[in-house]
C-alpha cells in the first residue's frame, strides 16, 4: 500500500504548472545516500546510485524536448530513502505529468538494475518464473493466458506484483514505489517555498534525528477520551499551567474586529504576562485573527505553545518551516484531533463548517488546558 495521497482529481496534468514531486524508494531502503552525522554536516552524502538519480532528474528537460514537451526542473534532493524535486511544465503537452514521472522512474530503475546485472523489471516476462517450484497458481494461469509470451510485470495488479517480487527477489523490484506525490503550486510565493523546502530537507531530517524528543511524531495519542496525531514536544502536555487563547472575530458589543479593540489589547497583555511570569503554555487553534496574532507571537518569540490544527497528521506529514523551527526549539506541540469534522454540530450548524469547527477546536483547547494526566501513545511513527 502506497504511503502517498492520490493525485489531485480534476487537475489538468497536461497543461502548464509547477509541481513538488516526492517519490519513495521501494520498502524505504536507504539506497540513495546517507545523512550527515550531526548538525555540523547538514547534507546528504550521495551514493553512486543517488548521484545518477540526480543526473537523470536534471536531464529531464533535454529528454522531454525530444518528445515535444517543454519542461524545466528547479531543484531536487536525494534523501537516503526518498526523493524530492520541483518540476515546471512550460506549455501544454501531449504527455501528462504522470508519463514524465514514469519515464524518470523507469530510467532510474533501469540504471539500478544494470548495476546488479539484472534485466529491467518493468518489461520482464513473468513466464520466466512461472515454472519455479514456489510459483503461485495465479502466476501459472497468467502465463498460460498469454501463451507464455507477452505477460509482463506491468500487466499485473499491484497486489500481485508485491507477491511476485517477494518470490523472485528484491533485485527485480523497481527502484521507487508505484505511486508518487505531487503538490500543485499555487503562485510564485508557493513555488519559492517549494524550492526552499527541497533545499532544507537534509537539515530537517538531521534535526529530527538529533532532537527526537522535540521532533516526535505520533499518529495516535490518547489525551483524555480523544485521539490526536501529534508532532513536537509532547512534554508540554505535562505542564501544570495551560492557558487557552480564544477570541471571536468581532467584539460582542461594538461588532468591531476584536483584535482592534482595547479589550483585546488588555487580554493580549494578560496572556503575555502569564507566559513571562510563570511556567505557562498557551493553547489555541489560532483560527480567529486575535488567536492567530498570539499564536504567531509565540512562534516568533519562543513562548511555549500547544497548537491545535484541523488537518490530520499522517505518517509523513511535516510542519512548515516556522512551526518546524519552534518544534526544534522545544517550544511547540502540534495536536491534530482525529475526526474533528465528525464532532457534534454547534447551534444546529453542521460540524464540518468553519463556524462549528471554530467552536469545536476551541472546546478541545479547553479540554487540553484541563488535562493533567499522562498522554498515552497508541501508535508512533
Protein backbone atom coordinates (compact mmCIF):
# COMPACT_ATOMS: atom_id res chain seq x y z
CA UNK A 1 0.00 0.00 0.00
CA UNK A 2 1.49 3.32 -1.01
CA UNK A 3 2.26 5.92 1.64
CA UNK A 4 1.21 8.79 -0.59
CA UNK A 5 -2.08 10.51 -1.22
CA UNK A 6 -3.86 10.25 -4.60
CA UNK A 7 -3.09 12.94 -7.11
CA UNK A 8 -5.37 15.98 -7.34
CA UNK A 9 -8.66 14.96 -9.01
CA UNK A 10 -9.78 17.29 -11.78
CA UNK A 11 -6.39 18.96 -12.24
CA UNK A 12 -5.09 19.24 -15.82
CA UNK A 13 -1.82 17.32 -15.79
CA UNK A 14 -1.22 18.07 -19.47
CA UNK A 15 -1.23 21.84 -19.02
CA UNK A 16 1.17 24.38 -17.57
CA UNK A 17 2.01 24.05 -13.91
CA UNK A 18 4.67 23.72 -11.23
CA UNK A 19 4.82 20.63 -9.02
CA UNK A 20 6.67 19.46 -5.94
CA UNK A 21 7.29 15.77 -6.65
CA UNK A 22 8.02 13.18 -3.95
CA UNK A 23 8.98 9.56 -4.62
CA UNK A 24 9.75 6.87 -2.05
CA UNK A 25 12.35 4.17 -2.59
CA UNK A 26 10.68 0.75 -2.53
CA UNK A 27 10.37 -0.51 1.05
CA UNK A 28 12.07 2.74 2.15
CA UNK A 29 15.54 1.28 1.63
CA UNK A 30 18.28 3.93 2.14
CA UNK A 31 19.82 3.38 -1.29
CA UNK A 32 20.38 6.98 -2.38
CA UNK A 33 22.87 8.14 0.27
CA UNK A 34 23.50 8.83 3.94
CA UNK A 35 22.64 11.77 6.15
CA UNK A 36 25.42 13.80 7.76
CA UNK A 37 26.36 12.52 11.20
CA UNK A 38 25.37 15.63 13.16
CA UNK A 39 24.09 19.20 12.88
CA UNK A 40 27.53 20.38 11.69
CA UNK A 41 27.09 18.35 8.46
CA UNK A 42 23.65 19.35 7.20
CA UNK A 43 23.78 17.48 3.91
CA UNK A 44 23.31 14.08 2.27
CA UNK A 45 26.36 12.12 1.16
CA UNK A 46 25.01 10.61 -2.07
CA UNK A 47 25.67 7.02 -3.08
CA UNK A 48 26.68 6.34 -6.71
CA UNK A 49 23.01 5.47 -7.34
CA UNK A 50 21.91 8.76 -5.74
CA UNK A 51 24.31 10.69 -7.98
CA UNK A 52 22.83 9.04 -11.08
CA UNK A 53 19.23 9.66 -9.93
CA UNK A 54 20.10 13.36 -9.56
CA UNK A 55 21.67 13.41 -13.03
CA UNK A 56 18.64 11.72 -14.61
CA UNK A 57 16.38 14.32 -12.98
CA UNK A 58 18.50 17.17 -14.33
CA UNK A 59 18.34 15.63 -17.82
CA UNK A 60 14.51 15.57 -17.88
CA UNK A 61 14.16 18.84 -19.91
CA UNK A 62 16.55 17.59 -22.59
CA UNK A 63 14.94 14.16 -22.78
CA UNK A 64 11.40 15.56 -22.88
CA UNK A 65 12.27 18.05 -25.61
CA UNK A 66 12.83 15.11 -27.97
CA UNK A 67 9.15 14.23 -27.39
CA UNK A 68 7.99 17.80 -27.98
CA UNK A 69 7.43 18.57 -24.29
CA UNK A 70 8.87 21.76 -22.76
CA UNK A 71 9.61 21.38 -19.06
CA UNK A 72 12.13 22.77 -16.55
CA UNK A 73 13.49 21.43 -13.26
CA UNK A 74 14.20 23.92 -10.48
CA UNK A 75 15.51 21.87 -7.55
CA UNK A 76 15.96 18.32 -6.34
CA UNK A 77 17.33 16.45 -3.35
CA UNK A 78 18.07 12.75 -2.91
CA UNK A 79 17.35 11.75 0.67
CA UNK A 80 18.53 8.27 1.72
CA UNK A 81 15.12 6.64 1.17
CA UNK A 82 13.14 9.17 -0.89
CA UNK A 83 13.44 11.91 -3.50
CA UNK A 84 12.05 15.45 -3.81
CA UNK A 85 12.10 17.60 -6.94
CA UNK A 86 10.35 20.69 -8.32
CA UNK A 87 9.29 20.39 -11.97
CA UNK A 88 7.62 23.02 -14.17
CA UNK A 89 5.56 22.32 -17.30
CA UNK A 90 6.18 25.35 -19.54
CA UNK A 91 3.46 24.75 -22.15
CA UNK A 92 0.64 22.26 -22.79
CA UNK A 93 1.92 18.77 -23.63
CA UNK A 94 0.85 15.63 -25.46
CA UNK A 95 2.25 13.74 -22.47
CA UNK A 96 0.89 14.04 -18.93
CA UNK A 97 2.93 14.68 -15.81
CA UNK A 98 2.39 11.00 -14.98
CA UNK A 99 4.02 9.96 -18.26
CA UNK A 100 7.07 12.13 -17.49
CA UNK A 101 7.38 10.71 -13.98
CA UNK A 102 7.02 7.16 -15.29
CA UNK A 103 9.87 7.78 -17.76
CA UNK A 104 12.04 9.21 -14.95
CA UNK A 105 11.34 6.29 -12.62
CA UNK A 106 11.94 3.74 -15.39
CA UNK A 107 15.32 5.32 -16.24
CA UNK A 108 16.37 5.23 -12.57
CA UNK A 109 15.23 1.62 -12.18
CA UNK A 110 16.99 0.60 -15.40
CA UNK A 111 20.31 2.02 -14.16
CA UNK A 112 19.91 0.45 -10.71
CA UNK A 113 19.17 -2.97 -12.14
CA UNK A 114 22.03 -2.79 -14.64
CA UNK A 115 24.26 -2.14 -11.62
CA UNK A 116 23.11 -5.52 -10.29
CA UNK A 117 23.37 -7.30 -13.64
CA UNK A 118 19.58 -7.66 -13.91
CA UNK A 119 17.08 -7.13 -16.72
CA UNK A 120 14.69 -4.19 -16.47
CA UNK A 121 11.86 -5.43 -14.23
CA UNK A 122 9.09 -3.39 -15.92
CA UNK A 123 9.37 -5.47 -19.11
CA UNK A 124 10.38 -8.75 -17.51
CA UNK A 125 8.17 -11.62 -18.84
CA UNK A 126 6.54 -13.38 -15.91
CA UNK A 127 6.78 -16.63 -17.87
CA UNK A 128 10.48 -16.63 -16.92
CA UNK A 129 9.46 -17.56 -13.38
CA UNK A 130 6.08 -19.28 -13.63
CA UNK A 131 7.50 -22.79 -13.54
CA UNK A 132 9.68 -22.38 -10.46
CA UNK A 133 8.82 -24.61 -7.50
CA UNK A 134 7.35 -21.79 -5.41
CA UNK A 135 5.37 -20.12 -8.20
CA UNK A 136 1.76 -19.42 -7.08
CA UNK A 137 -1.17 -20.77 -9.06
CA UNK A 138 -2.27 -17.34 -10.32
CA UNK A 139 1.16 -16.84 -11.91
CA UNK A 140 0.92 -20.13 -13.80
CA UNK A 141 -2.58 -19.22 -15.00
CA UNK A 142 -1.48 -15.75 -16.11
CA UNK A 143 1.40 -17.25 -18.10
CA UNK A 144 -0.94 -19.77 -19.78
CA UNK A 145 -3.40 -16.99 -20.59
CA UNK A 146 -0.70 -15.19 -22.55
CA UNK A 147 0.62 -18.48 -24.02
CA UNK A 148 3.84 -17.94 -22.04
CA UNK A 149 4.58 -14.81 -24.06
CA UNK A 150 3.89 -11.15 -23.52
CA UNK A 151 2.74 -11.34 -19.91
CA UNK A 152 4.78 -8.51 -18.41
CA UNK A 153 5.20 -7.26 -14.86
CA UNK A 154 3.39 -4.04 -15.69
CA UNK A 155 0.27 -6.06 -16.71
CA UNK A 156 -0.11 -7.45 -13.19
CA UNK A 157 -2.10 -5.77 -10.42
CA UNK A 158 -0.20 -4.01 -7.66
CA UNK A 159 -1.09 -6.70 -5.10
CA UNK A 160 0.08 -9.46 -7.43
CA UNK A 161 3.30 -7.57 -8.19
CA UNK A 162 4.17 -7.47 -4.49
CA UNK A 163 3.65 -11.24 -4.28
CA UNK A 164 5.71 -11.75 -7.43
CA UNK A 165 8.62 -9.63 -6.17
CA UNK A 166 8.59 -11.50 -2.86
CA UNK A 167 9.09 -14.69 -4.86
CA UNK A 168 11.78 -13.60 -7.33
CA UNK A 169 13.73 -11.28 -5.02
CA UNK A 170 14.25 -7.60 -4.21
CA UNK A 171 16.65 -7.06 -7.11
CA UNK A 172 13.76 -7.35 -9.59
CA UNK A 173 11.66 -4.64 -7.93
CA UNK A 174 11.51 -1.09 -9.35
CA UNK A 175 13.71 1.41 -7.52
CA UNK A 176 10.73 3.59 -6.47
CA UNK A 177 7.24 2.82 -5.18
CA UNK A 178 4.44 2.57 -7.73
CA UNK A 179 2.85 5.85 -6.75
CA UNK A 180 4.24 9.32 -6.17
CA UNK A 181 3.06 12.53 -4.55
CA UNK A 182 2.64 15.81 -6.41
CA UNK A 183 1.81 19.12 -4.77
CA UNK A 184 0.42 21.63 -7.26
CA UNK A 185 1.96 25.10 -6.99
CA UNK A 186 -0.50 27.93 -6.29
CA UNK A 187 1.58 31.03 -7.05
CA UNK A 188 5.13 32.41 -7.18
CA UNK A 189 5.43 32.59 -3.39
CA UNK A 190 4.34 28.96 -3.14
CA UNK A 191 6.93 27.97 -5.75
CA UNK A 192 9.69 29.68 -3.78
CA UNK A 193 8.52 27.86 -0.65
CA UNK A 194 8.61 24.54 -2.54
CA UNK A 195 12.20 25.13 -3.65
CA UNK A 196 13.23 26.22 -0.15
CA UNK A 197 11.62 23.08 1.29
CA UNK A 198 13.60 20.85 -1.09
CA UNK A 199 16.90 22.55 -0.22
CA UNK A 200 16.10 22.43 3.51
CA UNK A 201 15.15 18.74 3.59
CA UNK A 202 18.53 17.34 4.74
CA UNK A 203 18.73 19.83 7.63
CA UNK A 204 15.20 18.92 8.73
CA UNK A 205 15.98 15.20 8.68
CA UNK A 206 19.20 15.65 10.66
CA UNK A 207 17.46 17.83 13.25
CA UNK A 208 14.70 15.23 13.67
CA UNK A 209 17.35 12.60 14.30
CA UNK A 210 19.39 14.84 16.63
CA UNK A 211 16.35 16.06 18.64
CA UNK A 212 13.98 13.07 18.79
CA UNK A 213 12.05 14.27 21.86
CA UNK A 214 11.38 17.69 20.34
CA UNK A 215 10.50 16.39 16.85
CA UNK A 216 8.48 13.34 17.85
CA UNK A 217 5.62 12.36 15.57
CA UNK A 218 2.90 10.03 16.84
CA UNK A 219 -0.11 9.01 14.81
CA UNK A 220 -2.46 8.24 17.72
CA UNK A 221 -2.06 9.70 21.19
CA UNK A 222 -4.87 9.30 23.72
CA UNK A 223 -5.44 12.54 25.65
CA UNK A 224 -8.40 12.13 27.95
CA UNK A 225 -11.11 10.47 25.85
CA UNK A 226 -9.88 11.61 22.41
CA UNK A 227 -7.16 10.51 19.98
CA UNK A 228 -4.80 13.02 18.35
CA UNK A 229 -1.97 12.95 15.88
CA UNK A 230 0.97 14.85 17.37
CA UNK A 231 4.23 16.43 16.28
CA UNK A 232 6.69 18.23 18.54
CA UNK A 233 7.44 18.40 22.24
CA UNK A 234 4.80 16.19 23.82
CA UNK A 235 6.13 17.03 27.29
CA UNK A 236 4.33 20.39 27.05
CA UNK A 237 1.16 18.46 27.91
CA UNK A 238 2.60 17.83 31.38
CA UNK A 239 2.97 21.50 32.25
CA UNK A 240 0.70 22.37 35.16
CA UNK A 241 -0.30 25.81 33.86
CA UNK A 242 -2.01 25.81 30.47
CA UNK A 243 -3.86 28.92 29.29
CA UNK A 244 -6.38 28.94 26.47
CA UNK A 245 -6.30 31.82 23.99
CA UNK A 246 -9.75 32.24 22.48
CA UNK A 247 -11.43 35.26 20.95
CA UNK A 248 -14.18 35.74 18.40
CA UNK A 249 -13.76 37.63 15.20
CA UNK A 250 -15.91 40.57 16.33
CA UNK A 251 -16.43 42.32 19.64
CA UNK A 252 -19.75 41.14 21.16
CA UNK A 253 -20.91 44.72 21.82
CA UNK A 254 -19.32 47.07 19.27
CA UNK A 255 -19.02 44.46 16.45
CA UNK A 256 -15.56 45.80 15.61
CA UNK A 257 -12.84 43.35 14.60
CA UNK A 258 -11.94 42.06 18.05
CA UNK A 259 -8.17 42.31 17.61
CA UNK A 260 -8.50 46.10 17.09
CA UNK A 261 -10.28 46.76 20.40
CA UNK A 262 -8.95 47.82 23.79
CA UNK A 263 -10.42 44.62 25.26
CA UNK A 264 -8.15 42.56 23.03
CA UNK A 265 -5.11 44.69 23.92
CA UNK A 266 -5.82 44.08 27.61
CA UNK A 267 -6.32 40.34 27.10
CA UNK A 268 -3.16 40.09 25.00
CA UNK A 269 -1.14 41.76 27.76
CA UNK A 270 -2.51 39.26 30.27
CA UNK A 271 -1.59 36.30 28.07
CA UNK A 272 1.97 37.50 27.56
CA UNK A 273 2.37 38.31 31.26
CA UNK A 274 1.21 34.80 32.20
CA UNK A 275 3.84 33.28 29.92
CA UNK A 276 6.67 35.51 31.12
CA UNK A 277 5.85 35.37 34.83
CA UNK A 278 5.27 31.64 35.18
CA UNK A 279 5.60 28.26 33.51
CA UNK A 280 2.52 28.71 31.32
CA UNK A 281 1.75 27.05 27.96
CA UNK A 282 -0.54 28.85 25.53
CA UNK A 283 -3.18 26.55 23.98
CA UNK A 284 -5.08 27.67 20.86
CA UNK A 285 -6.22 26.58 17.41
CA UNK A 286 -5.25 30.04 16.14
CA UNK A 287 -8.35 30.41 13.94
CA UNK A 288 -9.65 33.92 14.56
CA UNK A 289 -7.42 36.89 13.83
CA UNK A 290 -6.83 37.57 17.50
CA UNK A 291 -5.87 33.94 18.18
CA UNK A 292 -3.62 33.92 15.12
CA UNK A 293 -1.74 37.03 16.29
CA UNK A 294 -0.99 35.40 19.64
CA UNK A 295 -0.04 32.09 18.03
CA UNK A 296 2.42 33.78 15.67
CA UNK A 297 3.93 35.81 18.52
CA UNK A 298 4.54 32.61 20.48
CA UNK A 299 6.26 31.02 17.48
CA UNK A 300 8.38 34.09 16.83
CA UNK A 301 9.47 34.70 20.43
CA UNK A 302 9.76 31.07 21.54
CA UNK A 303 6.87 31.13 24.03
CA UNK A 304 5.65 27.58 24.78
CA UNK A 305 2.51 26.79 22.81
CA UNK A 306 0.22 23.86 22.02
CA UNK A 307 -1.34 24.46 18.61
CA UNK A 308 -4.49 22.51 17.71
CA UNK A 309 -4.96 22.18 13.94
CA UNK A 310 -7.84 20.78 11.91
CA UNK A 311 -5.69 18.97 9.32
CA UNK A 312 -4.73 15.37 10.25
CA UNK A 313 -1.16 14.27 10.93
CA UNK A 314 -0.27 11.13 8.98
CA UNK A 315 2.90 9.06 8.73
CA UNK A 316 4.78 11.52 6.51
CA UNK A 317 3.21 14.85 7.49
CA UNK A 318 5.64 17.66 8.31
CA UNK A 319 5.04 21.22 9.55
CA UNK A 320 6.06 24.28 7.55
CA UNK A 321 9.35 25.99 8.40
CA UNK A 322 8.16 28.35 11.18
CA UNK A 323 6.50 25.61 13.20
CA UNK A 324 9.30 23.17 12.41
CA UNK A 325 11.83 25.60 13.94
CA UNK A 326 9.63 26.05 17.02
CA UNK A 327 9.48 22.25 17.44
CA UNK A 328 13.28 22.08 17.14
CA UNK A 329 13.50 24.66 19.94
CA UNK A 330 11.18 22.56 22.12
CA UNK A 331 8.56 25.31 22.38
CA UNK A 332 5.78 23.77 20.26
CA UNK A 333 3.47 20.77 20.28
CA UNK A 334 1.06 20.38 17.35
CA UNK A 335 -2.13 18.42 18.01
CA UNK A 336 -4.45 17.20 15.24
CA UNK A 337 -7.65 15.62 16.58
CA UNK A 338 -8.92 12.64 14.61
CA UNK A 339 -12.48 13.07 13.33
CA UNK A 340 -12.85 16.76 14.11
CA UNK A 341 -15.39 17.16 11.29
CA UNK A 342 -17.49 14.39 12.82
CA UNK A 343 -17.89 16.16 16.15
CA UNK A 344 -21.26 17.49 17.27
CA UNK A 345 -22.89 20.35 15.32
CA UNK A 346 -22.89 23.73 17.05
CA UNK A 347 -26.20 25.62 17.30
CA UNK A 348 -27.59 23.36 14.59
CA UNK A 349 -24.73 24.15 12.19
CA UNK A 350 -23.05 21.02 10.70
CA UNK A 351 -19.73 20.12 12.32
CA UNK A 352 -17.71 20.32 9.07
CA UNK A 353 -18.42 24.04 8.60
CA UNK A 354 -15.97 26.77 9.64
CA UNK A 355 -18.39 28.03 12.29
CA UNK A 356 -18.71 24.68 14.10
CA UNK A 357 -15.05 23.81 13.54
CA UNK A 358 -14.04 27.06 15.29
CA UNK A 359 -16.18 26.23 18.33
CA UNK A 360 -15.23 22.54 18.44
CA UNK A 361 -11.49 23.16 18.18
CA UNK A 362 -11.72 25.74 20.95
CA UNK A 363 -13.71 23.25 23.04
CA UNK A 364 -10.82 20.81 22.57
CA UNK A 365 -8.37 23.55 23.60
CA UNK A 366 -10.32 23.91 26.84
CA UNK A 367 -10.09 20.14 27.39
CA UNK A 368 -6.33 20.24 26.85
CA UNK A 369 -5.99 23.05 29.40
CA UNK A 370 -7.79 20.91 31.97
CA UNK A 371 -5.81 17.77 31.17
CA UNK A 372 -3.34 16.87 33.93
CA UNK A 373 -2.75 13.17 33.24
CA UNK A 374 -0.26 11.34 31.08
CA UNK A 375 -0.90 11.11 27.36
CA UNK A 376 -0.88 7.53 26.12
CA UNK A 377 0.91 6.90 22.82
CA UNK A 378 -1.06 4.27 20.92
CA UNK A 379 0.85 4.37 17.63
CA UNK A 380 4.11 6.19 16.96
CA UNK A 381 5.84 6.92 13.65
